Amino acid sequence: MFDFFGEIGSLIMTPLYYAVSAVLLAWHWVFDHIPGMSDGWVWVLSIIGLTVTIRALLIPLFVKQINSSRNMQLLQPKIKELQKKYGHDRERLTQEQMKLWKETGTNPFASCLPLLAQMPIFFALFRVIDQAAKKGADGAKGLLSGEDAESLSNAKFLGGRIAETFINAELFETRVLAIFLVLVMCATQFTTQRQLMAKNMPADALSGPYAQQQKMLLYILPPVFAIGGIFFPLGVLFYWVTSNFWTMGQQLFVIRRNPAPGTPAFKAKQQRDAAKGKSTAPDPTVVEKKDVTPPARTQPKKKTRSQRKKGGR
């Protein structure tokens, strides 16, 4: 049974080993031609190049994630109405929510798409580096040659070996670098999520169940990643940190250029556009108060008795 699952896993991961190693070697070829650059710098920059390449390819998924998250935020008032109406009937509530999501083209699971798409690549990179560290030339995977695997295994960056983890590090510099990268990874993860909640979520969405889940993840994920990070090679931590910085910058760009209506970021954009003299789109979440005062009633002019008689003829 275990052999069967092992073969299935190998069948899925082997193409990823080739894909990851191909991109890694392409960037390695670029940086290796820069004079005076050590193997450690070449491999670290190659991993950063791999990260940028993967994240660039995932931009369509990120756009879909942003649109879905925005729709989920804007739908929170309607979700609350459904909960008040069908709170006693969980099955009917689920049906109505699914119907609402379908009508608005919202996928509540789309926010996980970039992360899910990255995980296989992340594990493939982990295996490529880990096997090279443990077996040297014999641990070459994908398109890596024995010489490439040996170079990756022995490469040092700022004194630490990029194939070592905090747990099995032989060098003190490796542990220092690992702790630093784990702290940066957790800080960027927290900042990115906090930025989204503070600037690009409407007030109504901050009190709904969706917001409660986001708040839980805000404080739970960084410690989880910190614990997991000490088991990853430095090269994988560089991938993770670079990916977090990419996410932070990408999110800043989207929040500034195309914020969700009814959010502090949307109001800030309106103020910037007004200062530049641009016409700003009204906030669809704000209902304008129209003057509905009825017109004053005019009293008819008094007529004389003779005028009334003439009018009656």
C-alpha atoms as a PDB file:
ATOM      1  CA  MET A   1       0.000   0.000   0.000  1.00  0.00           C
ATOM      2  CA  PHE A   2       2.762   2.448   0.987  1.00  0.00           C
ATOM      3  CA  ASP A   3       4.700   1.539  -2.165  1.00  0.00           C
ATOM      4  CA  PHE A   4       1.624   2.397  -4.225  1.00  0.00           C
ATOM      5  CA  PHE A   5       1.265   5.845  -2.640  1.00  0.00           C
ATOM      6  CA  GLY A   6       5.002   6.350  -2.985  1.00  0.00           C
ATOM      7  CA  GLU A   7       4.790   5.689  -6.711  1.00  0.00           C
ATOM      8  CA  ILE A   8       1.834   8.082  -7.044  1.00  0.00           C
ATOM      9  CA  GLY A   9       3.760  10.775  -5.160  1.00  0.00           C
ATOM     10  CA  SER A  10       6.818  10.226  -7.324  1.00  0.00           C
ATOM     11  CA  LEU A  11       4.687  10.420 -10.463  1.00  0.00           C
ATOM     12  CA  ILE A  12       3.321  13.807  -9.360  1.00  0.00           C
ATOM     13  CA  MET A  13       6.560  15.297  -8.028  1.00  0.00           C
ATOM     14  CA  THR A  14       9.016  14.155 -10.711  1.00  0.00           C
ATOM     15  CA  PRO A  15       7.746  16.638 -13.360  1.00  0.00           C
ATOM     16  CA  LEU A  16       7.987  19.376 -10.717  1.00  0.00           C
ATOM     17  CA  TYR A  17      11.603  18.435  -9.974  1.00  0.00           C
ATOM     18  CA  TYR A  18      12.399  18.935 -13.652  1.00  0.00           C
ATOM     19  CA  ALA A  19      10.449  22.215 -13.850  1.00  0.00           C
ATOM     20  CA  VAL A  20      11.970  23.683 -10.684  1.00  0.00           C
ATOM     21  CA  SER A  21      15.489  22.576 -11.544  1.00  0.00           C
ATOM     22  CA  ALA A  22      15.146  23.928 -15.106  1.00  0.00           C
ATOM     23  CA  VAL A  23      14.215  27.435 -13.900  1.00  0.00           C
ATOM     24  CA  LEU A  24      16.831  27.257 -11.147  1.00  0.00           C
ATOM     25  CA  LEU A  25      19.580  26.298 -13.583  1.00  0.00           C
ATOM     26  CA  ALA A  26      18.503  28.988 -16.058  1.00  0.00           C
ATOM     27  CA  TRP A  27      18.954  31.694 -13.408  1.00  0.00           C
ATOM     28  CA  HIS A  28      22.148  29.999 -12.210  1.00  0.00           C
ATOM     29  CA  TRP A  29      23.559  30.295 -15.731  1.00  0.00           C
ATOM     30  CA  VAL A  30      22.738  34.024 -15.758  1.00  0.00           C
ATOM     31  CA  PHE A  31      24.318  34.847 -12.394  1.00  0.00           C
ATOM     32  CA  ASP A  32      27.253  32.465 -12.846  1.00  0.00           C
ATOM     33  CA  HIS A  33      28.446  34.667 -15.715  1.00  0.00           C
ATOM     34  CA  ILE A  34      28.846  37.665 -13.400  1.00  0.00           C
ATOM     35  CA  PRO A  35      32.572  37.968 -12.545  1.00  0.00           C
ATOM     36  CA  GLY A  36      33.651  37.611  -8.926  1.00  0.00           C
ATOM     37  CA  MET A  37      30.389  36.133  -7.626  1.00  0.00           C
ATOM     38  CA  SER A  38      30.733  33.188  -5.232  1.00  0.00           C
ATOM     39  CA  ASP A  39      28.726  29.969  -5.515  1.00  0.00           C
ATOM     40  CA  GLY A  40      26.652  30.937  -2.462  1.00  0.00           C
ATOM     41  CA  TRP A  41      25.543  34.250  -3.982  1.00  0.00           C
ATOM     42  CA  VAL A  42      24.867  32.592  -7.335  1.00  0.00           C
ATOM     43  CA  TRP A  43      22.612  29.929  -5.787  1.00  0.00           C
ATOM     44  CA  VAL A  44      20.761  32.377  -3.501  1.00  0.00           C
ATOM     45  CA  LEU A  45      20.106  34.762  -6.388  1.00  0.00           C
ATOM     46  CA  SER A  46      19.026  31.803  -8.520  1.00  0.00           C
ATOM     47  CA  ILE A  47      16.482  30.813  -5.862  1.00  0.00           C
ATOM     48  CA  ILE A  48      15.229  34.411  -5.726  1.00  0.00           C
ATOM     49  CA  GLY A  49      14.981  34.372  -9.529  1.00  0.00           C
ATOM     50  CA  LEU A  50      12.992  31.129  -9.333  1.00  0.00           C
ATOM     51  CA  THR A  51      10.625  32.763  -6.821  1.00  0.00           C
ATOM     52  CA  VAL A  52      10.073  35.813  -9.012  1.00  0.00           C
ATOM     53  CA  THR A  53       9.418  33.596 -12.034  1.00  0.00           C
ATOM     54  CA  ILE A  54       6.852  31.466 -10.183  1.00  0.00           C
ATOM     55  CA  ARG A  55       5.077  34.468  -8.656  1.00  0.00           C
ATOM     56  CA  ALA A  56       4.916  36.224 -12.019  1.00  0.00           C
ATOM     57  CA  LEU A  57       3.247  33.146 -13.516  1.00  0.00           C
ATOM     58  CA  LEU A  58       0.748  33.149 -10.628  1.00  0.00           C
ATOM     59  CA  ILE A  59      -0.418  36.755 -11.189  1.00  0.00           C
ATOM     60  CA  PRO A  60      -3.711  35.629 -12.864  1.00  0.00           C
ATOM     61  CA  LEU A  61      -4.504  33.503  -9.799  1.00  0.00           C
ATOM     62  CA  PHE A  62      -3.672  36.453  -7.538  1.00  0.00           C
ATOM     63  CA  VAL A  63      -6.063  38.709  -9.475  1.00  0.00           C
ATOM     64  CA  LYS A  64      -8.768  36.073  -9.097  1.00  0.00           C
ATOM     65  CA  GLN A  65      -8.002  35.872  -5.374  1.00  0.00           C
ATOM     66  CA  ILE A  66      -8.290  39.656  -4.974  1.00  0.00           C
ATOM     67  CA  ASN A  67     -11.610  39.802  -6.841  1.00  0.00           C
ATOM     68  CA  SER A  68     -13.026  36.937  -4.812  1.00  0.00           C
ATOM     69  CA  SER A  69     -11.881  38.460  -1.505  1.00  0.00           C
ATOM     70  CA  ARG A  70     -13.430  41.795  -2.480  1.00  0.00           C
ATOM     71  CA  ASN A  71     -16.721  40.150  -3.367  1.00  0.00           C
ATOM     72  CA  MET A  72     -16.701  38.278  -0.064  1.00  0.00           C
ATOM     73  CA  GLN A  73     -16.228  41.570   1.779  1.00  0.00           C
ATOM     74  CA  LEU A  74     -18.986  43.367  -0.107  1.00  0.00           C
ATOM     75  CA  LEU A  75     -21.364  40.445   0.391  1.00  0.00           C
ATOM     76  CA  GLN A  76     -21.020  40.475   4.178  1.00  0.00           C
ATOM     77  CA  PRO A  77     -24.176  42.610   4.747  1.00  0.00           C
ATOM     78  CA  LYS A  78     -26.225  40.191   2.610  1.00  0.00           C
ATOM     79  CA  ILE A  79     -24.643  37.199   4.369  1.00  0.00           C
ATOM     80  CA  LYS A  80     -25.711  38.701   7.706  1.00  0.00           C
ATOM     81  CA  GLU A  81     -29.265  39.109   6.428  1.00  0.00           C
ATOM     82  CA  LEU A  82     -29.327  35.461   5.376  1.00  0.00           C
ATOM     83  CA  GLN A  83     -28.007  34.426   8.784  1.00  0.00           C
ATOM     84  CA  LYS A  84     -30.773  36.368  10.536  1.00  0.00           C
ATOM     85  CA  LYS A  85     -33.394  34.915   8.232  1.00  0.00           C
ATOM     86  CA  TYR A  86     -32.254  31.293   8.083  1.00  0.00           C
ATOM     87  CA  GLY A  87     -30.113  31.017  11.216  1.00  0.00           C
ATOM     88  CA  HIS A  88     -32.430  28.318  12.567  1.00  0.00           C
ATOM     89  CA  ASP A  89     -32.054  26.208   9.401  1.00  0.00           C
ATOM     90  CA  ARG A  90     -28.384  25.486   8.653  1.00  0.00           C
ATOM     91  CA  GLU A  91     -29.133  23.524   5.484  1.00  0.00           C
ATOM     92  CA  ARG A  92     -31.268  26.313   4.014  1.00  0.00           C
ATOM     93  CA  LEU A  93     -28.680  28.914   5.049  1.00  0.00           C
ATOM     94  CA  THR A  94     -25.936  26.993   3.236  1.00  0.00           C
ATOM     95  CA  GLN A  95     -28.108  26.695   0.121  1.00  0.00           C
ATOM     96  CA  GLU A  96     -28.870  30.421   0.103  1.00  0.00           C
ATOM     97  CA  GLN A  97     -25.215  31.319   0.609  1.00  0.00           C
ATOM     98  CA  MET A  98     -24.168  29.035  -2.252  1.00  0.00           C
ATOM     99  CA  LYS A  99     -26.844  30.623  -4.419  1.00  0.00           C
ATOM    100  CA  LEU A 100     -25.612  34.127  -3.549  1.00  0.00           C
ATOM    101  CA  TRP A 101     -22.004  33.198  -4.322  1.00  0.00           C
ATOM    102  CA  LYS A 102     -23.039  31.665  -7.639  1.00  0.00           C
ATOM    103  CA  GLU A 103     -25.089  34.720  -8.664  1.00  0.00           C
ATOM    104  CA  THR A 104     -22.219  37.088  -7.886  1.00  0.00           C
ATOM    105  CA  GLY A 105     -19.487  34.844  -9.312  1.00  0.00           C
ATOM    106  CA  THR A 106     -17.741  34.582  -5.928  1.00  0.00           C
ATOM    107  CA  ASN A 107     -15.595  31.634  -4.887  1.00  0.00           C
ATOM    108  CA  PRO A 108     -14.940  31.679  -1.123  1.00  0.00           C
ATOM    109  CA  PHE A 109     -12.012  29.295  -1.609  1.00  0.00           C
ATOM    110  CA  ALA A 110     -10.266  31.406  -4.264  1.00  0.00           C
ATOM    111  CA  SER A 111      -8.168  33.142  -1.586  1.00  0.00           C
ATOM    112  CA  CYS A 112      -6.271  29.863  -1.151  1.00  0.00           C
ATOM    113  CA  LEU A 113      -5.444  29.402  -4.847  1.00  0.00           C
ATOM    114  CA  PRO A 114      -2.003  31.118  -4.927  1.00  0.00           C
ATOM    115  CA  LEU A 115      -0.932  29.286  -1.777  1.00  0.00           C
ATOM    116  CA  LEU A 116      -2.171  25.909  -3.032  1.00  0.00           C
ATOM    117  CA  ALA A 117      -0.470  26.444  -6.393  1.00  0.00           C
ATOM    118  CA  GLN A 118       2.831  27.280  -4.680  1.00  0.00           C
ATOM    119  CA  MET A 119       2.919  24.392  -2.231  1.00  0.00           C
ATOM    120  CA  PRO A 120       3.940  21.654  -4.728  1.00  0.00           C
ATOM    121  CA  ILE A 121       6.688  23.939  -6.085  1.00  0.00           C
ATOM    122  CA  PHE A 122       7.776  24.729  -2.532  1.00  0.00           C
ATOM    123  CA  PHE A 123       8.081  21.035  -1.657  1.00  0.00           C
ATOM    124  CA  ALA A 124       9.841  20.282  -4.940  1.00  0.00           C
ATOM    125  CA  LEU A 125      12.462  22.946  -4.166  1.00  0.00           C
ATOM    126  CA  PHE A 126      12.764  21.583  -0.628  1.00  0.00           C
ATOM    127  CA  ARG A 127      13.478  18.080  -1.963  1.00  0.00           C
ATOM    128  CA  VAL A 128      15.953  19.333  -4.566  1.00  0.00           C
ATOM    129  CA  ILE A 129      17.988  21.207  -1.928  1.00  0.00           C
ATOM    130  CA  ASP A 130      17.516  18.634   0.846  1.00  0.00           C
ATOM    131  CA  GLN A 131      18.656  15.689  -1.288  1.00  0.00           C
ATOM    132  CA  ALA A 132      21.646  17.638  -2.545  1.00  0.00           C
ATOM    133  CA  ALA A 133      22.584  18.467   1.063  1.00  0.00           C
ATOM    134  CA  LYS A 134      22.259  14.860   2.266  1.00  0.00           C
ATOM    135  CA  LYS A 135      23.705  12.961  -0.682  1.00  0.00           C
ATOM    136  CA  GLY A 136      25.791  15.471  -2.620  1.00  0.00           C
ATOM    137  CA  ALA A 137      26.272  14.380  -6.231  1.00  0.00           C
ATOM    138  CA  ASP A 138      24.139  11.276  -5.616  1.00  0.00           C
ATOM    139  CA  GLY A 139      21.194  13.467  -4.573  1.00  0.00           C
ATOM    140  CA  ALA A 140      20.826  15.266  -7.900  1.00  0.00           C
ATOM    141  CA  LYS A 141      17.173  15.612  -8.919  1.00  0.00           C
ATOM    142  CA  GLY A 142      15.494  16.799 -12.092  1.00  0.00           C
ATOM    143  CA  LEU A 143      17.943  18.435 -14.476  1.00  0.00           C
ATOM    144  CA  LEU A 144      20.622  18.987 -11.843  1.00  0.00           C
ATOM    145  CA  SER A 145      23.859  17.168 -12.609  1.00  0.00           C
ATOM    146  CA  GLY A 146      26.003  15.589  -9.925  1.00  0.00           C
ATOM    147  CA  GLU A 147      28.332  18.594 -10.154  1.00  0.00           C
ATOM    148  CA  ASP A 148      25.411  21.012  -9.695  1.00  0.00           C
ATOM    149  CA  ALA A 149      24.134  19.080  -6.656  1.00  0.00           C
ATOM    150  CA  GLU A 150      27.619  19.046  -5.127  1.00  0.00           C
ATOM    151  CA  SER A 151      27.978  22.782  -5.683  1.00  0.00           C
ATOM    152  CA  LEU A 152      24.549  23.447  -4.140  1.00  0.00           C
ATOM    153  CA  SER A 153      25.361  21.243  -1.171  1.00  0.00           C
ATOM    154  CA  ASN A 154      28.620  23.063  -0.362  1.00  0.00           C
ATOM    155  CA  ALA A 155      27.610  26.623  -1.283  1.00  0.00           C
ATOM    156  CA  LYS A 156      27.921  29.192   1.514  1.00  0.00           C
ATOM    157  CA  PHE A 157      26.131  32.518   1.862  1.00  0.00           C
ATOM    158  CA  LEU A 158      27.372  35.000   4.509  1.00  0.00           C
ATOM    159  CA  GLY A 159      29.129  32.108   6.215  1.00  0.00           C
ATOM    160  CA  GLY A 160      26.152  29.743   6.362  1.00  0.00           C
ATOM    161  CA  ARG A 161      25.506  26.756   4.104  1.00  0.00           C
ATOM    162  CA  ILE A 162      22.321  27.312   2.122  1.00  0.00           C
ATOM    163  CA  ALA A 163      21.545  23.570   2.098  1.00  0.00           C
ATOM    164  CA  GLU A 164      21.563  23.309   5.908  1.00  0.00           C
ATOM    165  CA  THR A 165      18.636  23.770   8.281  1.00  0.00           C
ATOM    166  CA  PHE A 166      18.606  25.317  11.749  1.00  0.00           C
ATOM    167  CA  ILE A 167      18.139  21.840  13.249  1.00  0.00           C
ATOM    168  CA  ASN A 168      21.027  20.052  11.564  1.00  0.00           C
ATOM    169  CA  ALA A 169      23.379  23.015  11.048  1.00  0.00           C
ATOM    170  CA  GLU A 170      27.069  22.388  11.621  1.00  0.00           C
ATOM    171  CA  LEU A 171      27.923  26.079  11.298  1.00  0.00           C
ATOM    172  CA  PHE A 172      26.868  28.777  13.778  1.00  0.00           C
ATOM    173  CA  GLU A 173      26.371  31.233  10.907  1.00  0.00           C
ATOM    174  CA  THR A 174      23.727  28.921   9.444  1.00  0.00           C
ATOM    175  CA  ARG A 175      21.667  29.091  12.650  1.00  0.00           C
ATOM    176  CA  VAL A 176      21.951  32.881  12.829  1.00  0.00           C
ATOM    177  CA  LEU A 177      20.824  33.242   9.208  1.00  0.00           C
ATOM    178  CA  ALA A 178      17.993  30.750   9.731  1.00  0.00           C
ATOM    179  CA  ILE A 179      16.645  32.627  12.778  1.00  0.00           C
ATOM    180  CA  PHE A 180      16.887  35.940  10.926  1.00  0.00           C
ATOM    181  CA  LEU A 181      15.048  34.597   7.870  1.00  0.00           C
ATOM    182  CA  VAL A 182      12.339  32.957  10.004  1.00  0.00           C
ATOM    183  CA  LEU A 183      11.739  36.254  11.853  1.00  0.00           C
ATOM    184  CA  VAL A 184      11.553  38.192   8.579  1.00  0.00           C
ATOM    185  CA  MET A 185       9.232  35.551   7.139  1.00  0.00           C
ATOM    186  CA  CYS A 186       6.845  35.810  10.117  1.00  0.00           C
ATOM    187  CA  ALA A 187       6.974  39.628  10.162  1.00  0.00           C
ATOM    188  CA  THR A 188       6.159  39.932   6.462  1.00  0.00           C
ATOM    189  CA  GLN A 189       3.358  37.364   6.771  1.00  0.00           C
ATOM    190  CA  PHE A 190       1.799  39.271   9.684  1.00  0.00           C
ATOM    191  CA  THR A 191       2.247  42.695   8.066  1.00  0.00           C
ATOM    192  CA  THR A 192       0.691  41.603   4.784  1.00  0.00           C
ATOM    193  CA  GLN A 193      -2.412  40.184   6.455  1.00  0.00           C
ATOM    194  CA  ARG A 194      -2.709  43.121   8.862  1.00  0.00           C
ATOM    195  CA  GLN A 195      -2.405  45.559   5.971  1.00  0.00           C
ATOM    196  CA  LEU A 196      -5.274  43.852   4.152  1.00  0.00           C
ATOM    197  CA  MET A 197      -7.579  43.959   7.179  1.00  0.00           C
ATOM    198  CA  ALA A 198      -6.748  47.532   8.200  1.00  0.00           C
ATOM    199  CA  LYS A 199      -6.933  49.190   4.793  1.00  0.00           C
ATOM    200  CA  ASN A 200      -8.958  47.063   2.408  1.00  0.00           C
ATOM    201  CA  MET A 201     -11.848  45.604   4.386  1.00  0.00           C
ATOM    202  CA  PRO A 202     -15.164  47.467   4.905  1.00  0.00           C
ATOM    203  CA  ALA A 203     -16.385  48.094   8.446  1.00  0.00           C
ATOM    204  CA  ASP A 204     -19.235  45.581   8.004  1.00  0.00           C
ATOM    205  CA  ALA A 205     -16.817  42.863   6.909  1.00  0.00           C
ATOM    206  CA  LEU A 206     -14.637  43.339   9.997  1.00  0.00           C
ATOM    207  CA  SER A 207     -17.366  42.015  12.258  1.00  0.00           C
ATOM    208  CA  GLY A 208     -18.504  39.019  10.198  1.00  0.00           C
ATOM    209  CA  PRO A 209     -17.422  35.361  10.448  1.00  0.00           C
ATOM    210  CA  TYR A 210     -15.093  35.796   7.471  1.00  0.00           C
ATOM    211  CA  ALA A 211     -13.252  38.568   9.370  1.00  0.00           C
ATOM    212  CA  GLN A 212     -13.039  36.426  12.492  1.00  0.00           C
ATOM    213  CA  GLN A 213     -11.315  33.699  10.485  1.00  0.00           C
ATOM    214  CA  GLN A 214      -8.883  36.261   9.085  1.00  0.00           C
ATOM    215  CA  LYS A 215      -8.102  37.554  12.594  1.00  0.00           C
ATOM    216  CA  MET A 216      -7.432  34.028  13.822  1.00  0.00           C
ATOM    217  CA  LEU A 217      -5.088  33.345  10.904  1.00  0.00           C
ATOM    218  CA  LEU A 218      -3.386  36.688  11.521  1.00  0.00           C
ATOM    219  CA  TYR A 219      -2.062  35.500  14.894  1.00  0.00           C
ATOM    220  CA  ILE A 220      -1.936  31.728  14.361  1.00  0.00           C
ATOM    221  CA  LEU A 221      -0.030  31.432  11.071  1.00  0.00           C
ATOM    222  CA  PRO A 222       3.211  33.292  12.002  1.00  0.00           C
ATOM    223  CA  PRO A 223       4.014  30.978  14.965  1.00  0.00           C
ATOM    224  CA  VAL A 224       3.128  27.928  12.858  1.00  0.00           C
ATOM    225  CA  PHE A 225       5.452  29.092  10.076  1.00  0.00           C
ATOM    226  CA  ALA A 226       8.164  29.896  12.625  1.00  0.00           C
ATOM    227  CA  ILE A 227       8.078  26.351  13.992  1.00  0.00           C
ATOM    228  CA  GLY A 228       8.102  24.862  10.503  1.00  0.00           C
ATOM    229  CA  GLY A 229      10.840  27.236   9.325  1.00  0.00           C
ATOM    230  CA  ILE A 230      13.544  25.772  11.550  1.00  0.00           C
ATOM    231  CA  PHE A 231      13.238  22.487   9.621  1.00  0.00           C
ATOM    232  CA  PHE A 232      13.748  24.084   6.174  1.00  0.00           C
ATOM    233  CA  PRO A 233      17.108  24.650   4.458  1.00  0.00           C
ATOM    234  CA  LEU A 234      18.277  28.256   4.122  1.00  0.00           C
ATOM    235  CA  GLY A 235      17.631  28.085   0.376  1.00  0.00           C
ATOM    236  CA  VAL A 236      13.950  27.274   0.961  1.00  0.00           C
ATOM    237  CA  LEU A 237      13.693  30.083   3.536  1.00  0.00           C
ATOM    238  CA  PHE A 238      15.037  32.495   0.921  1.00  0.00           C
ATOM    239  CA  TYR A 239      12.268  31.321  -1.417  1.00  0.00           C
ATOM    240  CA  TRP A 240       9.638  31.837   1.296  1.00  0.00           C
ATOM    241  CA  VAL A 241      10.867  35.303   2.345  1.00  0.00           C
ATOM    242  CA  THR A 242      11.110  36.488  -1.265  1.00  0.00           C
ATOM    243  CA  SER A 243       7.593  35.202  -1.937  1.00  0.00           C
ATOM    244  CA  ASN A 244       6.284  37.088   1.124  1.00  0.00           C
ATOM    245  CA  PHE A 245       7.894  40.345  -0.023  1.00  0.00           C
ATOM    246  CA  TRP A 246       6.381  39.823  -3.475  1.00  0.00           C
ATOM    247  CA  THR A 247       2.937  39.291  -1.928  1.00  0.00           C
ATOM    248  CA  MET A 248       3.305  42.402   0.223  1.00  0.00           C
ATOM    249  CA  GLY A 249       4.316  44.612  -2.722  1.00  0.00           C
ATOM    250  CA  GLN A 250       1.664  43.148  -4.997  1.00  0.00           C
ATOM    251  CA  GLN A 251      -1.027  43.711  -2.388  1.00  0.00           C
ATOM    252  CA  LEU A 252       0.126  47.286  -1.743  1.00  0.00           C
ATOM    253  CA  PHE A 253      -0.143  48.005  -5.464  1.00  0.00           C
ATOM    254  CA  VAL A 254      -3.670  46.564  -5.687  1.00  0.00           C
ATOM    255  CA  ILE A 255      -4.897  48.305  -2.525  1.00  0.00           C
ATOM    256  CA  ARG A 256      -3.559  51.649  -3.734  1.00  0.00           C
ATOM    257  CA  ARG A 257      -4.702  51.398  -7.346  1.00  0.00           C
ATOM    258  CA  ASN A 258      -7.926  49.420  -7.039  1.00  0.00           C
ATOM    259  CA  PRO A 259      -9.171  49.313  -3.430  1.00  0.00           C
ATOM    260  CA  ALA A 260     -12.414  47.673  -2.337  1.00  0.00           C
ATOM    261  CA  PRO A 261     -15.352  50.096  -1.999  1.00  0.00           C
ATOM    262  CA  GLY A 262     -16.258  51.220   1.487  1.00  0.00           C
ATOM    263  CA  THR A 263     -12.716  50.836   2.858  1.00  0.00           C
ATOM    264  CA  PRO A 264     -10.152  53.324   4.218  1.00  0.00           C
ATOM    265  CA  ALA A 265      -8.018  52.640   1.143  1.00  0.00           C
ATOM    266  CA  PHE A 266     -10.961  53.565  -1.135  1.00  0.00           C
ATOM    267  CA  LYS A 267     -11.465  56.875   0.695  1.00  0.00           C
ATOM    268  CA  ALA A 268      -7.741  57.598   0.510  1.00  0.00           C
ATOM    269  CA  LYS A 269      -7.808  56.997  -3.264  1.00  0.00           C
ATOM    270  CA  GLN A 270     -10.787  59.341  -3.626  1.00  0.00           C
ATOM    271  CA  GLN A 271      -8.866  62.037  -1.767  1.00  0.00           C
ATOM    272  CA  ARG A 272      -5.786  61.539  -3.957  1.00  0.00           C
ATOM    273  CA  ASP A 273      -7.876  61.682  -7.123  1.00  0.00           C
ATOM    274  CA  ALA A 274      -9.681  64.797  -5.891  1.00  0.00           C
ATOM    275  CA  ALA A 275      -6.328  66.486  -5.148  1.00  0.00           C
ATOM    276  CA  LYS A 276      -5.202  65.720  -8.701  1.00  0.00           C
ATOM    277  CA  GLY A 277      -8.459  67.046 -10.150  1.00  0.00           C
ATOM    278  CA  LYS A 278      -9.622  63.648 -11.366  1.00  0.00           C
ATOM    279  CA  SER A 279     -13.256  62.588 -11.281  1.00  0.00           C
ATOM    280  CA  THR A 280     -13.770  59.922  -8.649  1.00  0.00           C
ATOM    281  CA  ALA A 281     -16.238  57.082  -8.775  1.00  0.00           C
ATOM    282  CA  PRO A 282     -18.808  57.204  -5.973  1.00  0.00           C
ATOM    283  CA  ASP A 283     -18.554  54.643  -3.236  1.00  0.00           C
ATOM    284  CA  PRO A 284     -21.295  52.072  -4.005  1.00  0.00           C
ATOM    285  CA  THR A 285     -21.497  51.129  -0.339  1.00  0.00           C
ATOM    286  CA  VAL A 286     -22.546  54.649   0.666  1.00  0.00           C
ATOM    287  CA  VAL A 287     -26.147  55.589   0.041  1.00  0.00           C
ATOM    288  CA  GLU A 288     -26.557  59.246  -0.836  1.00  0.00           C
ATOM    289  CA  LYS A 289     -29.195  61.135   1.117  1.00  0.00           C
ATOM    290  CA  LYS A 290     -31.485  62.913  -1.273  1.00  0.00           C
ATOM    291  CA  ASP A 291     -33.646  65.898  -0.372  1.00  0.00           C
ATOM    292  CA  VAL A 292     -37.121  64.473  -0.145  1.00  0.00           C
ATOM    293  CA  THR A 293     -38.753  67.543   1.470  1.00  0.00           C
ATOM    294  CA  PRO A 294     -42.196  68.001  -0.164  1.00  0.00           C
ATOM    295  CA  PRO A 295     -42.744  71.297  -1.974  1.00  0.00           C
ATOM    296  CA  ALA A 296     -44.516  73.993  -0.006  1.00  0.00           C
ATOM    297  CA  ARG A 297     -48.256  74.004  -0.525  1.00  0.00           C
ATOM    298  CA  THR A 298     -49.546  77.233  -2.074  1.00  0.00           C
ATOM    299  CA  GLN A 299     -52.843  78.629  -0.820  1.00  0.00           C
ATOM    300  CA  PRO A 300     -55.326  79.741  -3.484  1.00  0.00           C
ATOM    301  CA  LYS A 301     -55.911  83.491  -3.769  1.00  0.00           C
ATOM    302  CA  LYS A 302     -59.100  84.871  -2.265  1.00  0.00           C
ATOM    303  CA  LYS A 303     -61.734  85.836  -4.827  1.00  0.00           C
ATOM    304  CA  THR A 304     -64.603  88.283  -4.565  1.00  0.00           C
ATOM    305  CA  ARG A 305     -68.200  87.114  -4.696  1.00  0.00           C
ATOM    306  CA  SER A 306     -68.658  88.423  -8.236  1.00  0.00           C
ATOM    307  CA  GLN A 307     -65.455  86.630  -9.389  1.00  0.00           C
ATOM    308  CA  ARG A 308     -66.691  83.370  -7.918  1.00  0.00           C
ATOM    309  CA  LYS A 309     -70.031  83.747  -9.737  1.00  0.00           C
ATOM    310  CA  LYS A 310     -68.285  84.373 -13.032  1.00  0.00           C
ATOM    311  CA  GLY A 311     -66.034  81.351 -12.538  1.00  0.00           C
ATOM    312  CA  GLY A 312     -69.041  79.138 -11.899  1.00  0.00           C
ATOM    313  CA  ARG A 313     -70.701  80.030 -15.185  1.00  0.00           C
END
